[in-house]
Amino acid sequence: MYDRIVKTCKARGITPSSMCVKLGIRKAIMSDLKSGKTLTIRTDTVVLFADFLGVSTDYLLTGRELTLTEEESMLLRCWRHASIADKQNAAFALRDYGMTMPEEEHKASQAG
């Protein structure tokens, strides 16, 4: 993962150290990854890195980028910007097709 983070940072014209500073993450995480002192990092940190760098968490974790169709990309963008009420309505509609919302999102939508 370290090599993919460094490569992506370089392509974006930023150092991993400055990325960490901008994200409010301790810079030592990168040296820990590089040295092997740390083999894993928290999921929320991977998500922060991926969002900042404009890549998927799949790419950072595995080196493989998830490929979506244009329609899937559009649906994902809409979902990310949807209100909690809209997500609840979508979850209700999906039940008609035997589909359910992931548990974490269901709990989050109930809390709002």
PDB file of N, CA and C in Angstrom:
ATOM      1  N   MET A   1       0.822  -1.183   0.000  1.00  0.00           N
ATOM      2  CA  MET A   1       0.000   0.000   0.000  1.00  0.00           C
ATOM      3  C   MET A   1       0.873   1.256   0.000  1.00  0.00           C
ATOM      4  N   TYR A   2       1.969   1.199   0.714  1.00  0.00           N
ATOM      5  CA  TYR A   2       2.873   2.348   0.780  1.00  0.00           C
ATOM      6  C   TYR A   2       3.277   2.807  -0.622  1.00  0.00           C
ATOM      7  N   ASP A   3       3.704   1.870  -1.464  1.00  0.00           N
ATOM      8  CA  ASP A   3       4.158   2.229  -2.810  1.00  0.00           C
ATOM      9  C   ASP A   3       3.049   2.876  -3.635  1.00  0.00           C
ATOM     10  N   ARG A   4       1.822   2.381  -3.488  1.00  0.00           N
ATOM     11  CA  ARG A   4       0.709   2.969  -4.247  1.00  0.00           C
ATOM     12  C   ARG A   4       0.385   4.377  -3.758  1.00  0.00           C
ATOM     13  N   ILE A   5       0.477   4.597  -2.457  1.00  0.00           N
ATOM     14  CA  ILE A   5       0.234   5.937  -1.911  1.00  0.00           C
ATOM     15  C   ILE A   5       1.293   6.905  -2.419  1.00  0.00           C
ATOM     16  N   VAL A   6       2.560   6.502  -2.351  1.00  0.00           N
ATOM     17  CA  VAL A   6       3.657   7.363  -2.805  1.00  0.00           C
ATOM     18  C   VAL A   6       3.530   7.657  -4.299  1.00  0.00           C
ATOM     19  N   LYS A   7       3.256   6.629  -5.088  1.00  0.00           N
ATOM     20  CA  LYS A   7       3.116   6.795  -6.544  1.00  0.00           C
ATOM     21  C   LYS A   7       1.978   7.766  -6.873  1.00  0.00           C
ATOM     22  N   THR A   8       0.858   7.614  -6.191  1.00  0.00           N
ATOM     23  CA  THR A   8      -0.301   8.469  -6.456  1.00  0.00           C
ATOM     24  C   THR A   8      -0.035   9.897  -5.988  1.00  0.00           C
ATOM     25  N   CYS A   9       0.610  10.043  -4.852  1.00  0.00           N
ATOM     26  CA  CYS A   9       0.980  11.384  -4.379  1.00  0.00           C
ATOM     27  C   CYS A   9       1.876  12.066  -5.405  1.00  0.00           C
ATOM     28  N   LYS A  10       2.873  11.344  -5.877  1.00  0.00           N
ATOM     29  CA  LYS A  10       3.813  11.907  -6.846  1.00  0.00           C
ATOM     30  C   LYS A  10       3.073  12.360  -8.109  1.00  0.00           C
ATOM     31  N   ALA A  11       2.138  11.542  -8.577  1.00  0.00           N
ATOM     32  CA  ALA A  11       1.362  11.893  -9.764  1.00  0.00           C
ATOM     33  C   ALA A  11       0.512  13.133  -9.534  1.00  0.00           C
ATOM     34  N   ARG A  12       0.156  13.391  -8.282  1.00  0.00           N
ATOM     35  CA  ARG A  12      -0.667  14.561  -7.938  1.00  0.00           C
ATOM     36  C   ARG A  12       0.190  15.770  -7.544  1.00  0.00           C
ATOM     37  N   GLY A  13       1.532  15.583  -7.546  1.00  0.00           N
ATOM     38  CA  GLY A  13       2.428  16.679  -7.214  1.00  0.00           C
ATOM     39  C   GLY A  13       2.455  17.043  -5.744  1.00  0.00           C
ATOM     40  N   ILE A  14       2.286  16.035  -4.890  1.00  0.00           N
ATOM     41  CA  ILE A  14       2.285  16.257  -3.446  1.00  0.00           C
ATOM     42  C   ILE A  14       3.109  15.163  -2.773  1.00  0.00           C
ATOM     43  N   THR A  15       3.695  15.471  -1.659  1.00  0.00           N
ATOM     44  CA  THR A  15       4.428  14.442  -0.920  1.00  0.00           C
ATOM     45  C   THR A  15       3.475  13.755   0.056  1.00  0.00           C
ATOM     46  N   PRO A  16       3.744  12.494   0.382  1.00  0.00           N
ATOM     47  CA  PRO A  16       2.909  11.816   1.373  1.00  0.00           C
ATOM     48  C   PRO A  16       2.899  12.560   2.714  1.00  0.00           C
ATOM     49  N   SER A  17       4.037  13.139   3.065  1.00  0.00           N
ATOM     50  CA  SER A  17       4.128  13.881   4.322  1.00  0.00           C
ATOM     51  C   SER A  17       3.185  15.084   4.328  1.00  0.00           C
ATOM     52  N   SER A  18       3.176  15.856   3.237  1.00  0.00           N
ATOM     53  CA  SER A  18       2.294  17.019   3.200  1.00  0.00           C
ATOM     54  C   SER A  18       0.830  16.598   3.121  1.00  0.00           C
ATOM     55  N   MET A  19       0.553  15.461   2.482  1.00  0.00           N
ATOM     56  CA  MET A  19      -0.814  14.946   2.466  1.00  0.00           C
ATOM     57  C   MET A  19      -1.283  14.665   3.886  1.00  0.00           C
ATOM     58  N   CYS A  20      -0.419  14.004   4.657  1.00  0.00           N
ATOM     59  CA  CYS A  20      -0.774  13.686   6.048  1.00  0.00           C
ATOM     60  C   CYS A  20      -1.050  14.955   6.848  1.00  0.00           C
ATOM     61  N   VAL A  21      -0.209  15.975   6.659  1.00  0.00           N
ATOM     62  CA  VAL A  21      -0.400  17.244   7.369  1.00  0.00           C
ATOM     63  C   VAL A  21      -1.753  17.846   7.002  1.00  0.00           C
ATOM     64  N   LYS A  22      -2.068  17.878   5.715  1.00  0.00           N
ATOM     65  CA  LYS A  22      -3.342  18.452   5.259  1.00  0.00           C
ATOM     66  C   LYS A  22      -4.542  17.673   5.789  1.00  0.00           C
ATOM     67  N   LEU A  23      -4.368  16.375   5.981  1.00  0.00           N
ATOM     68  CA  LEU A  23      -5.466  15.531   6.464  1.00  0.00           C
ATOM     69  C   LEU A  23      -5.516  15.451   7.993  1.00  0.00           C
ATOM     70  N   GLY A  24      -4.491  15.999   8.649  1.00  0.00           N
ATOM     71  CA  GLY A  24      -4.457  15.933  10.115  1.00  0.00           C
ATOM     72  C   GLY A  24      -4.105  14.555  10.638  1.00  0.00           C
ATOM     73  N   ILE A  25      -3.325  13.828   9.855  1.00  0.00           N
ATOM     74  CA  ILE A  25      -2.898  12.472  10.232  1.00  0.00           C
ATOM     75  C   ILE A  25      -1.409  12.527  10.549  1.00  0.00           C
ATOM     76  N   ARG A  26      -0.979  11.773  11.542  1.00  0.00           N
ATOM     77  CA  ARG A  26       0.445  11.808  11.899  1.00  0.00           C
ATOM     78  C   ARG A  26       1.291  11.302  10.736  1.00  0.00           C
ATOM     79  N   LYS A  27       2.361  12.047  10.460  1.00  0.00           N
ATOM     80  CA  LYS A  27       3.226  11.728   9.314  1.00  0.00           C
ATOM     81  C   LYS A  27       3.945  10.397   9.488  1.00  0.00           C
ATOM     82  N   ALA A  28       4.156   9.982  10.724  1.00  0.00           N
ATOM     83  CA  ALA A  28       4.886   8.741  10.990  1.00  0.00           C
ATOM     84  C   ALA A  28       4.187   7.515  10.413  1.00  0.00           C
ATOM     85  N   ILE A  29       2.902   7.641  10.120  1.00  0.00           N
ATOM     86  CA  ILE A  29       2.187   6.495   9.557  1.00  0.00           C
ATOM     87  C   ILE A  29       2.838   6.030   8.261  1.00  0.00           C
ATOM     88  N   MET A  30       3.338   6.984   7.470  1.00  0.00           N
ATOM     89  CA  MET A  30       3.969   6.619   6.195  1.00  0.00           C
ATOM     90  C   MET A  30       5.293   5.893   6.426  1.00  0.00           C
ATOM     91  N   SER A  31       6.118   6.383   7.345  1.00  0.00           N
ATOM     92  CA  SER A  31       7.388   5.686   7.604  1.00  0.00           C
ATOM     93  C   SER A  31       7.137   4.329   8.238  1.00  0.00           C
ATOM     94  N   ASP A  32       6.077   4.224   9.043  1.00  0.00           N
ATOM     95  CA  ASP A  32       5.721   2.925   9.641  1.00  0.00           C
ATOM     96  C   ASP A  32       5.294   1.931   8.559  1.00  0.00           C
ATOM     97  N   LEU A  33       4.547   2.408   7.570  1.00  0.00           N
ATOM     98  CA  LEU A  33       4.148   1.542   6.454  1.00  0.00           C
ATOM     99  C   LEU A  33       5.368   1.124   5.631  1.00  0.00           C
ATOM    100  N   LYS A  34       6.236   2.097   5.361  1.00  0.00           N
ATOM    101  CA  LYS A  34       7.410   1.824   4.531  1.00  0.00           C
ATOM    102  C   LYS A  34       8.335   0.796   5.190  1.00  0.00           C
ATOM    103  N   SER A  35       8.558   0.949   6.474  1.00  0.00           N
ATOM    104  CA  SER A  35       9.480   0.057   7.185  1.00  0.00           C
ATOM    105  C   SER A  35       8.881  -1.306   7.508  1.00  0.00           C
ATOM    106  N   GLY A  36       7.559  -1.405   7.413  1.00  0.00           N
ATOM    107  CA  GLY A  36       6.905  -2.662   7.771  1.00  0.00           C
ATOM    108  C   GLY A  36       6.540  -2.732   9.236  1.00  0.00           C
ATOM    109  N   LYS A  37       6.843  -1.651   9.979  1.00  0.00           N
ATOM    110  CA  LYS A  37       6.477  -1.602  11.393  1.00  0.00           C
ATOM    111  C   LYS A  37       4.967  -1.736  11.542  1.00  0.00           C
ATOM    112  N   THR A  38       4.266  -1.152  10.593  1.00  0.00           N
ATOM    113  CA  THR A  38       2.814  -1.258  10.536  1.00  0.00           C
ATOM    114  C   THR A  38       2.440  -1.871   9.203  1.00  0.00           C
ATOM    115  N   LEU A  39       1.612  -2.897   9.235  1.00  0.00           N
ATOM    116  CA  LEU A  39       1.186  -3.553   8.000  1.00  0.00           C
ATOM    117  C   LEU A  39      -0.224  -3.138   7.594  1.00  0.00           C
ATOM    118  N   THR A  40      -0.973  -2.639   8.543  1.00  0.00           N
ATOM    119  CA  THR A  40      -2.345  -2.216   8.260  1.00  0.00           C
ATOM    120  C   THR A  40      -2.571  -0.835   8.868  1.00  0.00           C
ATOM    121  N   ILE A  41      -3.531  -0.121   8.291  1.00  0.00           N
ATOM    122  CA  ILE A  41      -3.940   1.150   8.872  1.00  0.00           C
ATOM    123  C   ILE A  41      -5.450   1.148   8.998  1.00  0.00           C
ATOM    124  N   ARG A  42      -5.950   2.040   9.803  1.00  0.00           N
ATOM    125  CA  ARG A  42      -7.388   2.095  10.062  1.00  0.00           C
ATOM    126  C   ARG A  42      -8.166   2.336   8.770  1.00  0.00           C
ATOM    127  N   THR A  43      -9.321   1.754   8.700  1.00  0.00           N
ATOM    128  CA  THR A  43     -10.180   1.898   7.528  1.00  0.00           C
ATOM    129  C   THR A  43     -10.472   3.360   7.235  1.00  0.00           C
ATOM    130  N   ASP A  44     -10.779   4.137   8.260  1.00  0.00           N
ATOM    131  CA  ASP A  44     -11.103   5.543   8.024  1.00  0.00           C
ATOM    132  C   ASP A  44      -9.908   6.315   7.475  1.00  0.00           C
ATOM    133  N   THR A  45      -8.696   5.892   7.816  1.00  0.00           N
ATOM    134  CA  THR A  45      -7.494   6.532   7.274  1.00  0.00           C
ATOM    135  C   THR A  45      -7.332   6.190   5.796  1.00  0.00           C
ATOM    136  N   VAL A  46      -7.583   4.938   5.439  1.00  0.00           N
ATOM    137  CA  VAL A  46      -7.520   4.539   4.026  1.00  0.00           C
ATOM    138  C   VAL A  46      -8.544   5.332   3.221  1.00  0.00           C
ATOM    139  N   VAL A  47      -9.728   5.511   3.769  1.00  0.00           N
ATOM    140  CA  VAL A  47     -10.777   6.271   3.090  1.00  0.00           C
ATOM    141  C   VAL A  47     -10.342   7.731   2.912  1.00  0.00           C
ATOM    142  N   LEU A  48      -9.748   8.325   3.950  1.00  0.00           N
ATOM    143  CA  LEU A  48      -9.249   9.706   3.840  1.00  0.00           C
ATOM    144  C   LEU A  48      -8.201   9.820   2.737  1.00  0.00           C
ATOM    145  N   PHE A  49      -7.243   8.897   2.735  1.00  0.00           N
ATOM    146  CA  PHE A  49      -6.204   8.906   1.699  1.00  0.00           C
ATOM    147  C   PHE A  49      -6.827   8.787   0.307  1.00  0.00           C
ATOM    148  N   ALA A  50      -7.723   7.828   0.143  1.00  0.00           N
ATOM    149  CA  ALA A  50      -8.341   7.590  -1.167  1.00  0.00           C
ATOM    150  C   ALA A  50      -9.120   8.818  -1.638  1.00  0.00           C
ATOM    151  N   ASP A  51      -9.921   9.394  -0.757  1.00  0.00           N
ATOM    152  CA  ASP A  51     -10.695  10.583  -1.128  1.00  0.00           C
ATOM    153  C   ASP A  51      -9.776  11.735  -1.498  1.00  0.00           C
ATOM    154  N   PHE A  52      -8.736  11.943  -0.710  1.00  0.00           N
ATOM    155  CA  PHE A  52      -7.796  13.039  -0.961  1.00  0.00           C
ATOM    156  C   PHE A  52      -7.079  12.852  -2.299  1.00  0.00           C
ATOM    157  N   LEU A  53      -6.690  11.623  -2.578  1.00  0.00           N
ATOM    158  CA  LEU A  53      -5.922  11.337  -3.790  1.00  0.00           C
ATOM    159  C   LEU A  53      -6.790  11.094  -5.027  1.00  0.00           C
ATOM    160  N   GLY A  54      -8.092  10.969  -4.824  1.00  0.00           N
ATOM    161  CA  GLY A  54      -8.988  10.747  -5.960  1.00  0.00           C
ATOM    162  C   GLY A  54      -8.907   9.354  -6.538  1.00  0.00           C
ATOM    163  N   VAL A  55      -8.642   8.374  -5.681  1.00  0.00           N
ATOM    164  CA  VAL A  55      -8.612   6.970  -6.103  1.00  0.00           C
ATOM    165  C   VAL A  55      -9.537   6.181  -5.188  1.00  0.00           C
ATOM    166  N   SER A  56      -9.785   4.944  -5.540  1.00  0.00           N
ATOM    167  CA  SER A  56     -10.646   4.113  -4.693  1.00  0.00           C
ATOM    168  C   SER A  56      -9.831   3.471  -3.570  1.00  0.00           C
ATOM    169  N   THR A  57     -10.527   3.087  -2.530  1.00  0.00           N
ATOM    170  CA  THR A  57      -9.868   2.326  -1.464  1.00  0.00           C
ATOM    171  C   THR A  57      -9.397   0.984  -2.016  1.00  0.00           C
ATOM    172  N   ASP A  58     -10.139   0.430  -2.985  1.00  0.00           N
ATOM    173  CA  ASP A  58      -9.715  -0.826  -3.623  1.00  0.00           C
ATOM    174  C   ASP A  58      -8.315  -0.677  -4.203  1.00  0.00           C
ATOM    175  N   TYR A  59      -8.083   0.434  -4.888  1.00  0.00           N
ATOM    176  CA  TYR A  59      -6.766   0.649  -5.492  1.00  0.00           C
ATOM    177  C   TYR A  59      -5.680   0.731  -4.418  1.00  0.00           C
ATOM    178  N   LEU A  60      -5.912   1.503  -3.373  1.00  0.00           N
ATOM    179  CA  LEU A  60      -4.885   1.627  -2.333  1.00  0.00           C
ATOM    180  C   LEU A  60      -4.614   0.297  -1.646  1.00  0.00           C
ATOM    181  N   LEU A  61      -5.653  -0.482  -1.426  1.00  0.00           N
ATOM    182  CA  LEU A  61      -5.487  -1.741  -0.701  1.00  0.00           C
ATOM    183  C   LEU A  61      -4.967  -2.885  -1.563  1.00  0.00           C
ATOM    184  N   THR A  62      -5.403  -2.935  -2.821  1.00  0.00           N
ATOM    185  CA  THR A  62      -5.086  -4.114  -3.636  1.00  0.00           C
ATOM    186  C   THR A  62      -4.299  -3.801  -4.901  1.00  0.00           C
ATOM    187  N   GLY A  63      -4.298  -2.536  -5.303  1.00  0.00           N
ATOM    188  CA  GLY A  63      -3.658  -2.174  -6.561  1.00  0.00           C
ATOM    189  C   GLY A  63      -4.582  -2.320  -7.754  1.00  0.00           C
ATOM    190  N   ARG A  64      -5.804  -2.777  -7.511  1.00  0.00           N
ATOM    191  CA  ARG A  64      -6.789  -2.919  -8.585  1.00  0.00           C
ATOM    192  C   ARG A  64      -7.862  -1.857  -8.409  1.00  0.00           C
ATOM    193  N   GLU A  65      -8.131  -1.142  -9.478  1.00  0.00           N
ATOM    194  CA  GLU A  65      -9.168  -0.105  -9.452  1.00  0.00           C
ATOM    195  C   GLU A  65     -10.495  -0.738  -9.828  1.00  0.00           C
ATOM    196  N   LEU A  66     -11.510  -0.434  -9.082  1.00  0.00           N
ATOM    197  CA  LEU A  66     -12.857  -0.894  -9.391  1.00  0.00           C
ATOM    198  C   LEU A  66     -13.340  -0.138 -10.615  1.00  0.00           C
ATOM    199  N   THR A  67     -13.838  -0.852 -11.593  1.00  0.00           N
ATOM    200  CA  THR A  67     -14.319  -0.220 -12.817  1.00  0.00           C
ATOM    201  C   THR A  67     -15.834  -0.220 -12.814  1.00  0.00           C
ATOM    202  N   LEU A  68     -16.408   0.968 -12.912  1.00  0.00           N
ATOM    203  CA  LEU A  68     -17.851   1.113 -12.943  1.00  0.00           C
ATOM    204  C   LEU A  68     -18.294   1.574 -14.330  1.00  0.00           C
ATOM    205  N   THR A  69     -19.495   1.185 -14.693  1.00  0.00           N
ATOM    206  CA  THR A  69     -20.067   1.722 -15.919  1.00  0.00           C
ATOM    207  C   THR A  69     -20.425   3.183 -15.670  1.00  0.00           C
ATOM    208  N   GLU A  70     -20.704   3.927 -16.720  1.00  0.00           N
ATOM    209  CA  GLU A  70     -21.098   5.334 -16.567  1.00  0.00           C
ATOM    210  C   GLU A  70     -22.375   5.443 -15.735  1.00  0.00           C
ATOM    211  N   GLU A  71     -23.307   4.520 -15.957  1.00  0.00           N
ATOM    212  CA  GLU A  71     -24.560   4.533 -15.204  1.00  0.00           C
ATOM    213  C   GLU A  71     -24.302   4.263 -13.714  1.00  0.00           C
ATOM    214  N   GLU A  72     -23.425   3.306 -13.402  1.00  0.00           N
ATOM    215  CA  GLU A  72     -23.088   3.013 -12.012  1.00  0.00           C
ATOM    216  C   GLU A  72     -22.404   4.209 -11.356  1.00  0.00           C
ATOM    217  N   SER A  73     -21.528   4.865 -12.091  1.00  0.00           N
ATOM    218  CA  SER A  73     -20.850   6.054 -11.567  1.00  0.00           C
ATOM    219  C   SER A  73     -21.854   7.153 -11.259  1.00  0.00           C
ATOM    220  N   MET A  74     -22.810   7.352 -12.154  1.00  0.00           N
ATOM    221  CA  MET A  74     -23.831   8.367 -11.947  1.00  0.00           C
ATOM    222  C   MET A  74     -24.679   8.045 -10.714  1.00  0.00           C
ATOM    223  N   LEU A  75     -25.071   6.783 -10.577  1.00  0.00           N
ATOM    224  CA  LEU A  75     -25.867   6.375  -9.418  1.00  0.00           C
ATOM    225  C   LEU A  75     -25.082   6.574  -8.119  1.00  0.00           C
ATOM    226  N   LEU A  76     -23.809   6.256  -8.131  1.00  0.00           N
ATOM    227  CA  LEU A  76     -22.977   6.433  -6.949  1.00  0.00           C
ATOM    228  C   LEU A  76     -22.855   7.913  -6.587  1.00  0.00           C
ATOM    229  N   ARG A  77     -22.640   8.774  -7.577  1.00  0.00           N
ATOM    230  CA  ARG A  77     -22.567  10.218  -7.318  1.00  0.00           C
ATOM    231  C   ARG A  77     -23.882  10.727  -6.728  1.00  0.00           C
ATOM    232  N   CYS A  78     -25.005  10.271  -7.281  1.00  0.00           N
ATOM    233  CA  CYS A  78     -26.312  10.674  -6.755  1.00  0.00           C
ATOM    234  C   CYS A  78     -26.490  10.210  -5.310  1.00  0.00           C
ATOM    235  N   TRP A  79     -26.114   8.965  -5.046  1.00  0.00           N
ATOM    236  CA  TRP A  79     -26.258   8.412  -3.694  1.00  0.00           C
ATOM    237  C   TRP A  79     -25.436   9.220  -2.686  1.00  0.00           C
ATOM    238  N   ARG A  80     -24.217   9.566  -3.052  1.00  0.00           N
ATOM    239  CA  ARG A  80     -23.344  10.315  -2.148  1.00  0.00           C
ATOM    240  C   ARG A  80     -23.916  11.685  -1.805  1.00  0.00           C
ATOM    241  N   HIS A  81     -24.691  12.264  -2.715  1.00  0.00           N
ATOM    242  CA  HIS A  81     -25.243  13.598  -2.490  1.00  0.00           C
ATOM    243  C   HIS A  81     -26.694  13.568  -2.005  1.00  0.00           C
ATOM    244  N   ALA A  82     -27.258  12.377  -1.898  1.00  0.00           N
ATOM    245  CA  ALA A  82     -28.657  12.256  -1.495  1.00  0.00           C
ATOM    246  C   ALA A  82     -28.838  12.570  -0.011  1.00  0.00           C
ATOM    247  N   SER A  83     -29.997  13.102   0.314  1.00  0.00           N
ATOM    248  CA  SER A  83     -30.324  13.370   1.717  1.00  0.00           C
ATOM    249  C   SER A  83     -30.631  12.042   2.411  1.00  0.00           C
ATOM    250  N   ILE A  84     -30.668  12.089   3.712  1.00  0.00           N
ATOM    251  CA  ILE A  84     -31.005  10.888   4.486  1.00  0.00           C
ATOM    252  C   ILE A  84     -32.412  10.417   4.121  1.00  0.00           C
ATOM    253  N   ALA A  85     -33.330  11.370   3.959  1.00  0.00           N
ATOM    254  CA  ALA A  85     -34.706  11.001   3.596  1.00  0.00           C
ATOM    255  C   ALA A  85     -34.744  10.295   2.236  1.00  0.00           C
ATOM    256  N   ASP A  86     -33.979  10.810   1.271  1.00  0.00           N
ATOM    257  CA  ASP A  86     -33.938  10.165  -0.041  1.00  0.00           C
ATOM    258  C   ASP A  86     -33.340   8.762   0.051  1.00  0.00           C
ATOM    259  N   LYS A  87     -32.321   8.587   0.886  1.00  0.00           N
ATOM    260  CA  LYS A  87     -31.724   7.258   1.063  1.00  0.00           C
ATOM    261  C   LYS A  87     -32.718   6.305   1.716  1.00  0.00           C
ATOM    262  N   GLN A  88     -33.497   6.815   2.670  1.00  0.00           N
ATOM    263  CA  GLN A  88     -34.516   5.981   3.305  1.00  0.00           C
ATOM    264  C   GLN A  88     -35.578   5.558   2.283  1.00  0.00           C
ATOM    265  N   ASN A  89     -35.990   6.494   1.429  1.00  0.00           N
ATOM    266  CA  ASN A  89     -36.968   6.163   0.388  1.00  0.00           C
ATOM    267  C   ASN A  89     -36.414   5.121  -0.579  1.00  0.00           C
ATOM    268  N   ALA A  90     -35.145   5.264  -0.942  1.00  0.00           N
ATOM    269  CA  ALA A  90     -34.515   4.295  -1.843  1.00  0.00           C
ATOM    270  C   ALA A  90     -34.454   2.919  -1.185  1.00  0.00           C
ATOM    271  N   ALA A  91     -34.099   2.890   0.097  1.00  0.00           N
ATOM    272  CA  ALA A  91     -34.029   1.617   0.817  1.00  0.00           C
ATOM    273  C   ALA A  91     -35.396   0.950   0.861  1.00  0.00           C
ATOM    274  N   PHE A  92     -36.425   1.749   1.069  1.00  0.00           N
ATOM    275  CA  PHE A  92     -37.791   1.215   1.085  1.00  0.00           C
ATOM    276  C   PHE A  92     -38.156   0.630  -0.277  1.00  0.00           C
ATOM    277  N   ALA A  93     -37.818   1.356  -1.354  1.00  0.00           N
ATOM    278  CA  ALA A  93     -38.122   0.880  -2.702  1.00  0.00           C
ATOM    279  C   ALA A  93     -37.354  -0.397  -3.037  1.00  0.00           C
ATOM    280  N   LEU A  94     -36.126  -0.513  -2.561  1.00  0.00           N
ATOM    281  CA  LEU A  94     -35.312  -1.695  -2.857  1.00  0.00           C
ATOM    282  C   LEU A  94     -35.874  -2.958  -2.207  1.00  0.00           C
ATOM    283  N   ARG A  95     -36.596  -2.794  -1.102  1.00  0.00           N
ATOM    284  CA  ARG A  95     -37.179  -3.959  -0.431  1.00  0.00           C
ATOM    285  C   ARG A  95     -38.127  -4.705  -1.362  1.00  0.00           C
ATOM    286  N   ASP A  96     -38.780  -3.972  -2.275  1.00  0.00           N
ATOM    287  CA  ASP A  96     -39.687  -4.609  -3.233  1.00  0.00           C
ATOM    288  C   ASP A  96     -38.957  -5.591  -4.140  1.00  0.00           C
ATOM    289  N   TYR A  97     -37.643  -5.412  -4.272  1.00  0.00           N
ATOM    290  CA  TYR A  97     -36.824  -6.270  -5.130  1.00  0.00           C
ATOM    291  C   TYR A  97     -36.003  -7.270  -4.316  1.00  0.00           C
ATOM    292  N   GLY A  98     -36.325  -7.358  -3.029  1.00  0.00           N
ATOM    293  CA  GLY A  98     -35.615  -8.293  -2.166  1.00  0.00           C
ATOM    294  C   GLY A  98     -34.220  -7.826  -1.803  1.00  0.00           C
ATOM    295  N   MET A  99     -33.964  -6.538  -1.943  1.00  0.00           N
ATOM    296  CA  MET A  99     -32.643  -5.988  -1.629  1.00  0.00           C
ATOM    297  C   MET A  99     -32.755  -5.144  -0.369  1.00  0.00           C
ATOM    298  N   THR A 100     -31.656  -5.072   0.359  1.00  0.00           N
ATOM    299  CA  THR A 100     -31.642  -4.248   1.563  1.00  0.00           C
ATOM    300  C   THR A 100     -30.422  -3.350   1.569  1.00  0.00           C
ATOM    301  N   MET A 101     -30.498  -2.291   2.352  1.00  0.00           N
ATOM    302  CA  MET A 101     -29.404  -1.351   2.511  1.00  0.00           C
ATOM    303  C   MET A 101     -28.373  -1.961   3.466  1.00  0.00           C
ATOM    304  N   PRO A 102     -27.070  -1.731   3.230  1.00  0.00           N
ATOM    305  CA  PRO A 102     -26.074  -2.208   4.180  1.00  0.00           C
ATOM    306  C   PRO A 102     -26.396  -1.714   5.586  1.00  0.00           C
ATOM    307  N   GLU A 103     -26.157  -2.540   6.580  1.00  0.00           N
ATOM    308  CA  GLU A 103     -26.539  -2.263   7.962  1.00  0.00           C
ATOM    309  C   GLU A 103     -26.035  -0.919   8.472  1.00  0.00           C
ATOM    310  N   GLU A 104     -24.760  -0.560   8.168  1.00  0.00           N
ATOM    311  CA  GLU A 104     -24.207   0.693   8.672  1.00  0.00           C
ATOM    312  C   GLU A 104     -24.988   1.890   8.132  1.00  0.00           C
ATOM    313  N   GLU A 105     -25.328   1.851   6.844  1.00  0.00           N
ATOM    314  CA  GLU A 105     -26.064   2.961   6.247  1.00  0.00           C
ATOM    315  C   GLU A 105     -27.481   3.022   6.785  1.00  0.00           C
ATOM    316  N   HIS A 106     -28.061   1.840   7.039  1.00  0.00           N
ATOM    317  CA  HIS A 106     -29.416   1.808   7.589  1.00  0.00           C
ATOM    318  C   HIS A 106     -29.417   2.465   8.963  1.00  0.00           C
ATOM    319  N   LYS A 107     -28.444   2.123   9.809  1.00  0.00           N
ATOM    320  CA  LYS A 107     -28.358   2.719  11.141  1.00  0.00           C
ATOM    321  C   LYS A 107     -28.143   4.231  11.049  1.00  0.00           C
ATOM    322  N   ALA A 108     -27.267   4.660  10.137  1.00  0.00           N
ATOM    323  CA  ALA A 108     -26.990   6.084   9.981  1.00  0.00           C
ATOM    324  C   ALA A 108     -28.244   6.827   9.530  1.00  0.00           C
ATOM    325  N   SER A 109     -29.019   6.220   8.630  1.00  0.00           N
ATOM    326  CA  SER A 109     -30.217   6.901   8.141  1.00  0.00           C
ATOM    327  C   SER A 109     -31.282   6.969   9.235  1.00  0.00           C
ATOM    328  N   GLN A 110     -31.308   6.006  10.139  1.00  0.00           N
ATOM    329  CA  GLN A 110     -32.265   6.019  11.246  1.00  0.00           C
ATOM    330  C   GLN A 110     -31.900   7.072  12.281  1.00  0.00           C
ATOM    331  N   ALA A 111     -30.580   7.319  12.438  1.00  0.00           N
ATOM    332  CA  ALA A 111     -30.108   8.284  13.435  1.00  0.00           C
ATOM    333  C   ALA A 111     -30.425   9.711  13.020  1.00  0.00           C
ATOM    334  N   GLY A 112     -30.502   9.968  11.707  1.00  0.00           N
ATOM    335  CA  GLY A 112     -30.709  11.322  11.202  1.00  0.00           C
ATOM    336  C   GLY A 112     -32.111  11.716  11.349  1.00  0.00           C
TER     337      GLY A 112
END
